[in-house]
Amino acid sequence: QVQLVESGGGLAQPGGSLRLSCAASGLTFSSYAMSWYRQAPGKERDLVAVINSVGGTTTYVDSVKGRFTISRDNAKNTVYLQMNSLKPEDTAVYYCNVRIRYTYYWGQGTQVTVSS
């Protein structure tokens, strides 16, 4: 079955950086676009970034453009989210996602807290 395992979250200061990783298994990784979502306390889960199957096309929500970079390594079945210039409003649980046909698969999430 499809499994997604996120890692790399933690505490960062405003202006700092973190790199999230999501290791995927149980799917032909190179065939699917991958996404990162985040959910802040008391809010809905929102899309942050998407990368196509070969890594040539990326899309970002306006609030992270120029600060976050999504990438992937198809040889390692892993997608990354490099987060720079972090702000307190980036605090959330970050989830890796893949849609296969009509089914959405999620990881367990990794907590990112931005605070001084």
PDB file of N, CA and C in Angstrom:
ATOM      1  N   GLN A   1       0.837  -1.177   0.000  1.00  0.00           N
ATOM      2  CA  GLN A   1       0.000   0.000   0.000  1.00  0.00           C
ATOM      3  C   GLN A   1       0.891   1.253   0.000  1.00  0.00           C
ATOM      4  N   VAL A   2       0.273   2.341  -0.394  1.00  0.00           N
ATOM      5  CA  VAL A   2       1.010   3.598  -0.467  1.00  0.00           C
ATOM      6  C   VAL A   2       1.320   4.096   0.948  1.00  0.00           C
ATOM      7  N   GLN A   3       2.570   4.448   1.174  1.00  0.00           N
ATOM      8  CA  GLN A   3       2.977   5.048   2.444  1.00  0.00           C
ATOM      9  C   GLN A   3       3.805   6.286   2.172  1.00  0.00           C
ATOM     10  N   LEU A   4       3.517   7.323   2.937  1.00  0.00           N
ATOM     11  CA  LEU A   4       4.263   8.571   2.862  1.00  0.00           C
ATOM     12  C   LEU A   4       4.746   8.894   4.276  1.00  0.00           C
ATOM     13  N   VAL A   5       6.036   9.144   4.415  1.00  0.00           N
ATOM     14  CA  VAL A   5       6.608   9.408   5.738  1.00  0.00           C
ATOM     15  C   VAL A   5       7.387  10.715   5.686  1.00  0.00           C
ATOM     16  N   GLU A   6       6.866  11.722   6.411  1.00  0.00           N
ATOM     17  CA  GLU A   6       7.517  13.026   6.452  1.00  0.00           C
ATOM     18  C   GLU A   6       8.545  13.084   7.585  1.00  0.00           C
ATOM     19  N   SER A   7       9.532  13.924   7.397  1.00  0.00           N
ATOM     20  CA  SER A   7      10.521  14.189   8.430  1.00  0.00           C
ATOM     21  C   SER A   7      11.115  15.567   8.208  1.00  0.00           C
ATOM     22  N   GLY A   8      11.840  16.053   9.213  1.00  0.00           N
ATOM     23  CA  GLY A   8      12.553  17.313   9.062  1.00  0.00           C
ATOM     24  C   GLY A   8      11.934  18.513   9.739  1.00  0.00           C
ATOM     25  N   GLY A   9      10.763  18.342  10.324  1.00  0.00           N
ATOM     26  CA  GLY A   9      10.148  19.456  11.025  1.00  0.00           C
ATOM     27  C   GLY A   9      10.868  19.770  12.319  1.00  0.00           C
ATOM     28  N   GLY A  10      10.436  20.845  12.959  1.00  0.00           N
ATOM     29  CA  GLY A  10      11.048  21.239  14.221  1.00  0.00           C
ATOM     30  C   GLY A  10      10.796  22.691  14.519  1.00  0.00           C
ATOM     31  N   LEU A  11      11.632  23.226  15.398  1.00  0.00           N
ATOM     32  CA  LEU A  11      11.525  24.624  15.814  1.00  0.00           C
ATOM     33  C   LEU A  11      12.562  25.456  15.064  1.00  0.00           C
ATOM     34  N   ALA A  12      12.111  26.544  14.488  1.00  0.00           N
ATOM     35  CA  ALA A  12      13.013  27.462  13.807  1.00  0.00           C
ATOM     36  C   ALA A  12      12.704  28.885  14.230  1.00  0.00           C
ATOM     37  N   GLN A  13      13.711  29.730  14.205  1.00  0.00           N
ATOM     38  CA  GLN A  13      13.501  31.141  14.496  1.00  0.00           C
ATOM     39  C   GLN A  13      12.995  31.862  13.261  1.00  0.00           C
ATOM     40  N   PRO A  14      12.293  32.951  13.438  1.00  0.00           N
ATOM     41  CA  PRO A  14      11.901  33.766  12.277  1.00  0.00           C
ATOM     42  C   PRO A  14      13.134  34.118  11.443  1.00  0.00           C
ATOM     43  N   GLY A  15      13.001  33.941  10.134  1.00  0.00           N
ATOM     44  CA  GLY A  15      14.121  34.156   9.232  1.00  0.00           C
ATOM     45  C   GLY A  15      14.978  32.930   9.008  1.00  0.00           C
ATOM     46  N   GLY A  16      14.712  31.883   9.765  1.00  0.00           N
ATOM     47  CA  GLY A  16      15.482  30.661   9.651  1.00  0.00           C
ATOM     48  C   GLY A  16      15.004  29.750   8.536  1.00  0.00           C
ATOM     49  N   SER A  17      15.596  28.568   8.484  1.00  0.00           N
ATOM     50  CA  SER A  17      15.302  27.606   7.416  1.00  0.00           C
ATOM     51  C   SER A  17      15.084  26.214   7.995  1.00  0.00           C
ATOM     52  N   LEU A  18      14.278  25.458   7.287  1.00  0.00           N
ATOM     53  CA  LEU A  18      14.092  24.037   7.544  1.00  0.00           C
ATOM     54  C   LEU A  18      13.924  23.332   6.209  1.00  0.00           C
ATOM     55  N   ARG A  19      14.293  22.056   6.172  1.00  0.00           N
ATOM     56  CA  ARG A  19      14.085  21.239   4.975  1.00  0.00           C
ATOM     57  C   ARG A  19      13.286  20.013   5.361  1.00  0.00           C
ATOM     58  N   LEU A  20      12.114  19.912   4.765  1.00  0.00           N
ATOM     59  CA  LEU A  20      11.259  18.757   4.990  1.00  0.00           C
ATOM     60  C   LEU A  20      11.506  17.708   3.915  1.00  0.00           C
ATOM     61  N   SER A  21      11.381  16.447   4.311  1.00  0.00           N
ATOM     62  CA  SER A  21      11.494  15.334   3.374  1.00  0.00           C
ATOM     63  C   SER A  21      10.263  14.453   3.495  1.00  0.00           C
ATOM     64  N   CYS A  22       9.910  13.815   2.397  1.00  0.00           N
ATOM     65  CA  CYS A  22       8.802  12.862   2.389  1.00  0.00           C
ATOM     66  C   CYS A  22       9.243  11.649   1.576  1.00  0.00           C
ATOM     67  N   ALA A  23       9.394  10.529   2.268  1.00  0.00           N
ATOM     68  CA  ALA A  23       9.780   9.286   1.610  1.00  0.00           C
ATOM     69  C   ALA A  23       8.523   8.497   1.250  1.00  0.00           C
ATOM     70  N   ALA A  24       8.423   8.123  -0.013  1.00  0.00           N
ATOM     71  CA  ALA A  24       7.239   7.427  -0.507  1.00  0.00           C
ATOM     72  C   ALA A  24       7.562   5.974  -0.836  1.00  0.00           C
ATOM     73  N   SER A  25       6.579   5.104  -0.624  1.00  0.00           N
ATOM     74  CA  SER A  25       6.710   3.693  -0.985  1.00  0.00           C
ATOM     75  C   SER A  25       5.349   3.153  -1.395  1.00  0.00           C
ATOM     76  N   GLY A  26       5.363   2.030  -2.102  1.00  0.00           N
ATOM     77  CA  GLY A  26       4.110   1.407  -2.512  1.00  0.00           C
ATOM     78  C   GLY A  26       3.479   1.997  -3.749  1.00  0.00           C
ATOM     79  N   LEU A  27       4.241   2.798  -4.480  1.00  0.00           N
ATOM     80  CA  LEU A  27       3.734   3.407  -5.714  1.00  0.00           C
ATOM     81  C   LEU A  27       4.897   3.596  -6.685  1.00  0.00           C
ATOM     82  N   THR A  28       4.540   3.788  -7.952  1.00  0.00           N
ATOM     83  CA  THR A  28       5.563   4.140  -8.945  1.00  0.00           C
ATOM     84  C   THR A  28       5.770   5.641  -8.838  1.00  0.00           C
ATOM     85  N   PHE A  29       6.696   5.999  -7.985  1.00  0.00           N
ATOM     86  CA  PHE A  29       6.848   7.399  -7.561  1.00  0.00           C
ATOM     87  C   PHE A  29       7.001   8.351  -8.736  1.00  0.00           C
ATOM     88  N   SER A  30       7.773   7.959  -9.715  1.00  0.00           N
ATOM     89  CA  SER A  30       8.077   8.866 -10.826  1.00  0.00           C
ATOM     90  C   SER A  30       6.883   9.111 -11.738  1.00  0.00           C
ATOM     91  N   SER A  31       5.763   8.460 -11.481  1.00  0.00           N
ATOM     92  CA  SER A  31       4.580   8.628 -12.325  1.00  0.00           C
ATOM     93  C   SER A  31       3.613   9.695 -11.816  1.00  0.00           C
ATOM     94  N   TYR A  32       3.847  10.207 -10.611  1.00  0.00           N
ATOM     95  CA  TYR A  32       2.840  11.057  -9.974  1.00  0.00           C
ATOM     96  C   TYR A  32       3.391  12.399  -9.520  1.00  0.00           C
ATOM     97  N   ALA A  33       2.529  13.409  -9.691  1.00  0.00           N
ATOM     98  CA  ALA A  33       2.816  14.684  -9.047  1.00  0.00           C
ATOM     99  C   ALA A  33       2.729  14.518  -7.535  1.00  0.00           C
ATOM    100  N   MET A  34       3.513  15.314  -6.840  1.00  0.00           N
ATOM    101  CA  MET A  34       3.536  15.280  -5.373  1.00  0.00           C
ATOM    102  C   MET A  34       3.254  16.681  -4.834  1.00  0.00           C
ATOM    103  N   SER A  35       2.657  16.714  -3.656  1.00  0.00           N
ATOM    104  CA  SER A  35       2.269  17.998  -3.072  1.00  0.00           C
ATOM    105  C   SER A  35       2.636  18.063  -1.603  1.00  0.00           C
ATOM    106  N   TRP A  36       2.797  19.298  -1.140  1.00  0.00           N
ATOM    107  CA  TRP A  36       2.887  19.583   0.287  1.00  0.00           C
ATOM    108  C   TRP A  36       1.688  20.439   0.677  1.00  0.00           C
ATOM    109  N   TYR A  37       1.077  20.073   1.785  1.00  0.00           N
ATOM    110  CA  TYR A  37      -0.008  20.837   2.393  1.00  0.00           C
ATOM    111  C   TYR A  37       0.419  21.220   3.808  1.00  0.00           C
ATOM    112  N   ARG A  38      -0.307  22.157   4.398  1.00  0.00           N
ATOM    113  CA  ARG A  38      -0.080  22.474   5.799  1.00  0.00           C
ATOM    114  C   ARG A  38      -1.392  22.814   6.470  1.00  0.00           C
ATOM    115  N   GLN A  39      -1.414  22.563   7.783  1.00  0.00           N
ATOM    116  CA  GLN A  39      -2.607  22.849   8.572  1.00  0.00           C
ATOM    117  C   GLN A  39      -2.201  23.513   9.873  1.00  0.00           C
ATOM    118  N   ALA A  40      -2.590  24.768  10.008  1.00  0.00           N
ATOM    119  CA  ALA A  40      -2.333  25.507  11.232  1.00  0.00           C
ATOM    120  C   ALA A  40      -3.435  25.207  12.249  1.00  0.00           C
ATOM    121  N   PRO A  41      -3.177  25.419  13.534  1.00  0.00           N
ATOM    122  CA  PRO A  41      -4.192  25.133  14.555  1.00  0.00           C
ATOM    123  C   PRO A  41      -5.488  25.882  14.286  1.00  0.00           C
ATOM    124  N   GLY A  42      -6.588  25.141  14.291  1.00  0.00           N
ATOM    125  CA  GLY A  42      -7.895  25.749  14.103  1.00  0.00           C
ATOM    126  C   GLY A  42      -8.227  26.137  12.681  1.00  0.00           C
ATOM    127  N   LYS A  43      -7.369  25.743  11.740  1.00  0.00           N
ATOM    128  CA  LYS A  43      -7.600  26.121  10.340  1.00  0.00           C
ATOM    129  C   LYS A  43      -7.682  24.888   9.458  1.00  0.00           C
ATOM    130  N   GLU A  44      -8.112  25.096   8.240  1.00  0.00           N
ATOM    131  CA  GLU A  44      -8.208  24.005   7.288  1.00  0.00           C
ATOM    132  C   GLU A  44      -6.827  23.649   6.734  1.00  0.00           C
ATOM    133  N   ARG A  45      -6.726  22.473   6.168  1.00  0.00           N
ATOM    134  CA  ARG A  45      -5.491  22.044   5.515  1.00  0.00           C
ATOM    135  C   ARG A  45      -5.417  22.710   4.140  1.00  0.00           C
ATOM    136  N   ASP A  46      -4.334  23.400   3.882  1.00  0.00           N
ATOM    137  CA  ASP A  46      -4.181  24.175   2.650  1.00  0.00           C
ATOM    138  C   ASP A  46      -2.994  23.688   1.827  1.00  0.00           C
ATOM    139  N   LEU A  47      -3.145  23.778   0.521  1.00  0.00           N
ATOM    140  CA  LEU A  47      -2.059  23.430  -0.391  1.00  0.00           C
ATOM    141  C   LEU A  47      -0.929  24.458  -0.288  1.00  0.00           C
ATOM    142  N   VAL A  48       0.302  23.971  -0.249  1.00  0.00           N
ATOM    143  CA  VAL A  48       1.471  24.847  -0.201  1.00  0.00           C
ATOM    144  C   VAL A  48       2.230  24.833  -1.529  1.00  0.00           C
ATOM    145  N   ALA A  49       2.522  23.637  -2.038  1.00  0.00           N
ATOM    146  CA  ALA A  49       3.330  23.533  -3.248  1.00  0.00           C
ATOM    147  C   ALA A  49       3.065  22.201  -3.933  1.00  0.00           C
ATOM    148  N   VAL A  50       3.253  22.197  -5.251  1.00  0.00           N
ATOM    149  CA  VAL A  50       3.061  21.002  -6.075  1.00  0.00           C
ATOM    150  C   VAL A  50       4.234  20.884  -7.030  1.00  0.00           C
ATOM    151  N   ILE A  51       4.661  19.662  -7.284  1.00  0.00           N
ATOM    152  CA  ILE A  51       5.695  19.410  -8.282  1.00  0.00           C
ATOM    153  C   ILE A  51       5.212  18.283  -9.186  1.00  0.00           C
ATOM    154  N   ASN A  52       5.443  18.427 -10.495  1.00  0.00           N
ATOM    155  CA  ASN A  52       4.962  17.393 -11.411  1.00  0.00           C
ATOM    156  C   ASN A  52       5.839  16.149 -11.326  1.00  0.00           C
ATOM    157  N   SER A  53       5.491  15.144 -12.092  1.00  0.00           N
ATOM    158  CA  SER A  53       6.116  13.831 -11.909  1.00  0.00           C
ATOM    159  C   SER A  53       7.611  13.820 -12.215  1.00  0.00           C
ATOM    160  N   VAL A  54       8.047  14.662 -13.142  1.00  0.00           N
ATOM    161  CA  VAL A  54       9.465  14.664 -13.512  1.00  0.00           C
ATOM    162  C   VAL A  54      10.218  15.837 -12.888  1.00  0.00           C
ATOM    163  N   GLY A  55       9.510  16.659 -12.153  1.00  0.00           N
ATOM    164  CA  GLY A  55      10.161  17.758 -11.446  1.00  0.00           C
ATOM    165  C   GLY A  55      10.377  19.011 -12.255  1.00  0.00           C
ATOM    166  N   GLY A  56       9.792  19.066 -13.447  1.00  0.00           N
ATOM    167  CA  GLY A  56      10.028  20.230 -14.288  1.00  0.00           C
ATOM    168  C   GLY A  56       9.083  21.382 -14.051  1.00  0.00           C
ATOM    169  N   THR A  57       7.981  21.136 -13.376  1.00  0.00           N
ATOM    170  CA  THR A  57       6.980  22.173 -13.151  1.00  0.00           C
ATOM    171  C   THR A  57       6.617  22.212 -11.679  1.00  0.00           C
ATOM    172  N   THR A  58       6.662  23.410 -11.112  1.00  0.00           N
ATOM    173  CA  THR A  58       6.306  23.594  -9.716  1.00  0.00           C
ATOM    174  C   THR A  58       5.284  24.716  -9.584  1.00  0.00           C
ATOM    175  N   THR A  59       4.461  24.624  -8.556  1.00  0.00           N
ATOM    176  CA  THR A  59       3.446  25.640  -8.287  1.00  0.00           C
ATOM    177  C   THR A  59       3.435  25.898  -6.786  1.00  0.00           C
ATOM    178  N   TYR A  60       3.261  27.185  -6.427  1.00  0.00           N
ATOM    179  CA  TYR A  60       3.285  27.566  -5.015  1.00  0.00           C
ATOM    180  C   TYR A  60       2.100  28.463  -4.675  1.00  0.00           C
ATOM    181  N   VAL A  61       1.655  28.362  -3.444  1.00  0.00           N
ATOM    182  CA  VAL A  61       0.685  29.329  -2.942  1.00  0.00           C
ATOM    183  C   VAL A  61       1.414  30.673  -2.797  1.00  0.00           C
ATOM    184  N   ASP A  62       0.699  31.765  -3.003  1.00  0.00           N
ATOM    185  CA  ASP A  62       1.337  33.086  -3.032  1.00  0.00           C
ATOM    186  C   ASP A  62       2.133  33.384  -1.760  1.00  0.00           C
ATOM    187  N   SER A  63       1.657  32.932  -0.631  1.00  0.00           N
ATOM    188  CA  SER A  63       2.282  33.286   0.642  1.00  0.00           C
ATOM    189  C   SER A  63       3.677  32.689   0.831  1.00  0.00           C
ATOM    190  N   VAL A  64       4.055  31.693   0.021  1.00  0.00           N
ATOM    191  CA  VAL A  64       5.380  31.083   0.180  1.00  0.00           C
ATOM    192  C   VAL A  64       6.272  31.296  -1.042  1.00  0.00           C
ATOM    193  N   LYS A  65       5.765  31.915  -2.073  1.00  0.00           N
ATOM    194  CA  LYS A  65       6.555  32.139  -3.284  1.00  0.00           C
ATOM    195  C   LYS A  65       7.820  32.935  -2.955  1.00  0.00           C
ATOM    196  N   GLY A  66       8.935  32.451  -3.496  1.00  0.00           N
ATOM    197  CA  GLY A  66      10.205  33.117  -3.259  1.00  0.00           C
ATOM    198  C   GLY A  66      10.882  32.702  -1.969  1.00  0.00           C
ATOM    199  N   ARG A  67      10.182  31.957  -1.121  1.00  0.00           N
ATOM    200  CA  ARG A  67      10.762  31.504   0.153  1.00  0.00           C
ATOM    201  C   ARG A  67      10.883  29.976   0.222  1.00  0.00           C
ATOM    202  N   PHE A  68       9.911  29.280  -0.345  1.00  0.00           N
ATOM    203  CA  PHE A  68       9.894  27.814  -0.301  1.00  0.00           C
ATOM    204  C   PHE A  68      10.237  27.255  -1.676  1.00  0.00           C
ATOM    205  N   THR A  69      10.876  26.084  -1.682  1.00  0.00           N
ATOM    206  CA  THR A  69      11.192  25.391  -2.930  1.00  0.00           C
ATOM    207  C   THR A  69      10.846  23.915  -2.779  1.00  0.00           C
ATOM    208  N   ILE A  70      10.003  23.433  -3.668  1.00  0.00           N
ATOM    209  CA  ILE A  70       9.687  22.009  -3.695  1.00  0.00           C
ATOM    210  C   ILE A  70      10.575  21.344  -4.740  1.00  0.00           C
ATOM    211  N   SER A  71      11.065  20.147  -4.416  1.00  0.00           N
ATOM    212  CA  SER A  71      11.897  19.398  -5.352  1.00  0.00           C
ATOM    213  C   SER A  71      11.671  17.915  -5.101  1.00  0.00           C
ATOM    214  N   ARG A  72      12.208  17.105  -5.986  1.00  0.00           N
ATOM    215  CA  ARG A  72      12.052  15.673  -5.829  1.00  0.00           C
ATOM    216  C   ARG A  72      13.266  14.942  -6.371  1.00  0.00           C
ATOM    217  N   ASP A  73      13.486  13.749  -5.834  1.00  0.00           N
ATOM    218  CA  ASP A  73      14.529  12.844  -6.316  1.00  0.00           C
ATOM    219  C   ASP A  73      13.838  11.525  -6.620  1.00  0.00           C
ATOM    220  N   ASN A  74      13.568  11.282  -7.886  1.00  0.00           N
ATOM    221  CA  ASN A  74      12.821  10.072  -8.251  1.00  0.00           C
ATOM    222  C   ASN A  74      13.628   8.802  -8.006  1.00  0.00           C
ATOM    223  N   ALA A  75      14.945   8.905  -7.974  1.00  0.00           N
ATOM    224  CA  ALA A  75      15.773   7.736  -7.676  1.00  0.00           C
ATOM    225  C   ALA A  75      15.643   7.321  -6.208  1.00  0.00           C
ATOM    226  N   LYS A  76      15.310   8.282  -5.354  1.00  0.00           N
ATOM    227  CA  LYS A  76      15.167   8.016  -3.926  1.00  0.00           C
ATOM    228  C   LYS A  76      13.710   7.984  -3.472  1.00  0.00           C
ATOM    229  N   ASN A  77      12.773   8.145  -4.400  1.00  0.00           N
ATOM    230  CA  ASN A  77      11.339   8.170  -4.057  1.00  0.00           C
ATOM    231  C   ASN A  77      11.047   9.182  -2.952  1.00  0.00           C
ATOM    232  N   THR A  78      11.633  10.358  -3.089  1.00  0.00           N
ATOM    233  CA  THR A  78      11.529  11.357  -2.029  1.00  0.00           C
ATOM    234  C   THR A  78      11.214  12.731  -2.620  1.00  0.00           C
ATOM    235  N   VAL A  79      10.347  13.448  -1.932  1.00  0.00           N
ATOM    236  CA  VAL A  79      10.044  14.832  -2.279  1.00  0.00           C
ATOM    237  C   VAL A  79      10.462  15.707  -1.091  1.00  0.00           C
ATOM    238  N   TYR A  80      10.924  16.899  -1.419  1.00  0.00           N
ATOM    239  CA  TYR A  80      11.464  17.804  -0.406  1.00  0.00           C
ATOM    240  C   TYR A  80      10.717  19.137  -0.417  1.00  0.00           C
ATOM    241  N   LEU A  81      10.784  19.825   0.695  1.00  0.00           N
ATOM    242  CA  LEU A  81      10.312  21.205   0.768  1.00  0.00           C
ATOM    243  C   LEU A  81      11.353  22.000   1.540  1.00  0.00           C
ATOM    244  N   GLN A  82      12.107  22.815   0.801  1.00  0.00           N
ATOM    245  CA  GLN A  82      13.083  23.713   1.415  1.00  0.00           C
ATOM    246  C   GLN A  82      12.366  24.993   1.802  1.00  0.00           C
ATOM    247  N   MET A  83      12.422  25.334   3.067  1.00  0.00           N
ATOM    248  CA  MET A  83      11.700  26.500   3.576  1.00  0.00           C
ATOM    249  C   MET A  83      12.702  27.491   4.131  1.00  0.00           C
ATOM    250  N   ASN A  84      12.791  28.647   3.486  1.00  0.00           N
ATOM    251  CA  ASN A  84      13.698  29.710   3.915  1.00  0.00           C
ATOM    252  C   ASN A  84      12.896  30.925   4.365  1.00  0.00           C
ATOM    253  N   SER A  85      13.567  31.822   5.036  1.00  0.00           N
ATOM    254  CA  SER A  85      12.937  33.066   5.507  1.00  0.00           C
ATOM    255  C   SER A  85      11.622  32.769   6.215  1.00  0.00           C
ATOM    256  N   LEU A  86      11.674  31.834   7.111  1.00  0.00           N
ATOM    257  CA  LEU A  86      10.456  31.387   7.795  1.00  0.00           C
ATOM    258  C   LEU A  86       9.840  32.500   8.627  1.00  0.00           C
ATOM    259  N   LYS A  87       8.505  32.474   8.675  1.00  0.00           N
ATOM    260  CA  LYS A  87       7.730  33.447   9.424  1.00  0.00           C
ATOM    261  C   LYS A  87       6.877  32.715  10.460  1.00  0.00           C
ATOM    262  N   PRO A  88       6.487  33.401  11.526  1.00  0.00           N
ATOM    263  CA  PRO A  88       5.619  32.739  12.517  1.00  0.00           C
ATOM    264  C   PRO A  88       4.343  32.171  11.905  1.00  0.00           C
ATOM    265  N   GLU A  89       3.836  32.823  10.869  1.00  0.00           N
ATOM    266  CA  GLU A  89       2.612  32.326  10.235  1.00  0.00           C
ATOM    267  C   GLU A  89       2.822  31.055   9.421  1.00  0.00           C
ATOM    268  N   ASP A  90       4.062  30.610   9.280  1.00  0.00           N
ATOM    269  CA  ASP A  90       4.340  29.324   8.646  1.00  0.00           C
ATOM    270  C   ASP A  90       4.173  28.165   9.626  1.00  0.00           C
ATOM    271  N   THR A  91       3.952  28.469  10.890  1.00  0.00           N
ATOM    272  CA  THR A  91       3.757  27.428  11.894  1.00  0.00           C
ATOM    273  C   THR A  91       2.542  26.587  11.548  1.00  0.00           C
ATOM    274  N   ALA A  92       2.754  25.271  11.443  1.00  0.00           N
ATOM    275  CA  ALA A  92       1.683  24.350  11.039  1.00  0.00           C
ATOM    276  C   ALA A  92       2.224  22.928  11.061  1.00  0.00           C
ATOM    277  N   VAL A  93       1.318  21.988  10.910  1.00  0.00           N
ATOM    278  CA  VAL A  93       1.717  20.621  10.596  1.00  0.00           C
ATOM    279  C   VAL A  93       1.756  20.510   9.078  1.00  0.00           C
ATOM    280  N   TYR A  94       2.872  20.028   8.562  1.00  0.00           N
ATOM    281  CA  TYR A  94       3.068  19.918   7.117  1.00  0.00           C
ATOM    282  C   TYR A  94       2.882  18.460   6.693  1.00  0.00           C
ATOM    283  N   TYR A  95       2.099  18.282   5.632  1.00  0.00           N
ATOM    284  CA  TYR A  95       1.749  16.950   5.150  1.00  0.00           C
ATOM    285  C   TYR A  95       2.192  16.784   3.693  1.00  0.00           C
ATOM    286  N   CYS A  96       2.689  15.607   3.413  1.00  0.00           N
ATOM    287  CA  CYS A  96       2.991  15.189   2.056  1.00  0.00           C
ATOM    288  C   CYS A  96       1.743  14.530   1.476  1.00  0.00           C
ATOM    289  N   ASN A  97       1.528  14.688   0.172  1.00  0.00           N
ATOM    290  CA  ASN A  97       0.314  14.180  -0.450  1.00  0.00           C
ATOM    291  C   ASN A  97       0.576  13.693  -1.866  1.00  0.00           C
ATOM    292  N   VAL A  98      -0.124  12.623  -2.213  1.00  0.00           N
ATOM    293  CA  VAL A  98      -0.150  12.183  -3.602  1.00  0.00           C
ATOM    294  C   VAL A  98      -1.586  11.761  -3.926  1.00  0.00           C
ATOM    295  N   ARG A  99      -2.026  12.111  -5.116  1.00  0.00           N
ATOM    296  CA  ARG A  99      -3.334  11.670  -5.588  1.00  0.00           C
ATOM    297  C   ARG A  99      -3.123  10.621  -6.669  1.00  0.00           C
ATOM    298  N   ILE A 100      -3.699   9.463  -6.425  1.00  0.00           N
ATOM    299  CA  ILE A 100      -3.645   8.376  -7.401  1.00  0.00           C
ATOM    300  C   ILE A 100      -5.079   8.056  -7.798  1.00  0.00           C
ATOM    301  N   ARG A 101      -5.388   8.377  -9.043  1.00  0.00           N
ATOM    302  CA  ARG A 101      -6.754   8.316  -9.556  1.00  0.00           C
ATOM    303  C   ARG A 101      -7.631   9.191  -8.660  1.00  0.00           C
ATOM    304  N   TYR A 102      -8.580   8.618  -7.934  1.00  0.00           N
ATOM    305  CA  TYR A 102      -9.498   9.426  -7.123  1.00  0.00           C
ATOM    306  C   TYR A 102      -9.197   9.344  -5.628  1.00  0.00           C
ATOM    307  N   THR A 103      -8.055   8.790  -5.283  1.00  0.00           N
ATOM    308  CA  THR A 103      -7.697   8.606  -3.883  1.00  0.00           C
ATOM    309  C   THR A 103      -6.536   9.513  -3.506  1.00  0.00           C
ATOM    310  N   TYR A 104      -6.699  10.217  -2.383  1.00  0.00           N
ATOM    311  CA  TYR A 104      -5.636  11.051  -1.839  1.00  0.00           C
ATOM    312  C   TYR A 104      -4.947  10.298  -0.706  1.00  0.00           C
ATOM    313  N   TYR A 105      -3.632  10.246  -0.765  1.00  0.00           N
ATOM    314  CA  TYR A 105      -2.849   9.599   0.281  1.00  0.00           C
ATOM    315  C   TYR A 105      -2.078  10.668   1.040  1.00  0.00           C
ATOM    316  N   TRP A 106      -2.006  10.491   2.356  1.00  0.00           N
ATOM    317  CA  TRP A 106      -1.362  11.470   3.227  1.00  0.00           C
ATOM    318  C   TRP A 106      -0.337  10.800   4.121  1.00  0.00           C
ATOM    319  N   GLY A 107       0.695  11.554   4.463  1.00  0.00           N
ATOM    320  CA  GLY A 107       1.596  11.114   5.505  1.00  0.00           C
ATOM    321  C   GLY A 107       1.031  11.475   6.865  1.00  0.00           C
ATOM    322  N   GLN A 108       1.819  11.209   7.910  1.00  0.00           N
ATOM    323  CA  GLN A 108       1.371  11.474   9.274  1.00  0.00           C
ATOM    324  C   GLN A 108       1.580  12.937   9.662  1.00  0.00           C
ATOM    325  N   GLY A 109       2.345  13.645   8.869  1.00  0.00           N
ATOM    326  CA  GLY A 109       2.595  15.056   9.132  1.00  0.00           C
ATOM    327  C   GLY A 109       3.829  15.283   9.977  1.00  0.00           C
ATOM    328  N   THR A 110       4.418  16.464   9.822  1.00  0.00           N
ATOM    329  CA  THR A 110       5.555  16.863  10.631  1.00  0.00           C
ATOM    330  C   THR A 110       5.333  18.301  11.097  1.00  0.00           C
ATOM    331  N   GLN A 111       5.541  18.545  12.380  1.00  0.00           N
ATOM    332  CA  GLN A 111       5.263  19.850  12.963  1.00  0.00           C
ATOM    333  C   GLN A 111       6.393  20.838  12.661  1.00  0.00           C
ATOM    334  N   VAL A 112       6.021  21.996  12.184  1.00  0.00           N
ATOM    335  CA  VAL A 112       6.956  23.106  12.000  1.00  0.00           C
ATOM    336  C   VAL A 112       6.479  24.257  12.883  1.00  0.00           C
ATOM    337  N   THR A 113       7.355  24.708  13.748  1.00  0.00           N
ATOM    338  CA  THR A 113       7.046  25.823  14.629  1.00  0.00           C
ATOM    339  C   THR A 113       8.077  26.917  14.424  1.00  0.00           C
ATOM    340  N   VAL A 114       7.594  28.111  14.099  1.00  0.00           N
ATOM    341  CA  VAL A 114       8.487  29.252  13.886  1.00  0.00           C
ATOM    342  C   VAL A 114       8.238  30.249  15.011  1.00  0.00           C
ATOM    343  N   SER A 115       9.238  30.400  15.849  1.00  0.00           N
ATOM    344  CA  SER A 115       9.077  31.252  17.022  1.00  0.00           C
ATOM    345  C   SER A 115      10.437  31.671  17.544  1.00  0.00           C
ATOM    346  N   SER A 116      10.487  32.876  18.110  1.00  0.00           N
ATOM    347  CA  SER A 116      11.733  33.335  18.733  1.00  0.00           C
ATOM    348  C   SER A 116      11.741  32.989  20.222  1.00  0.00           C
TER     349      SER A 116
END
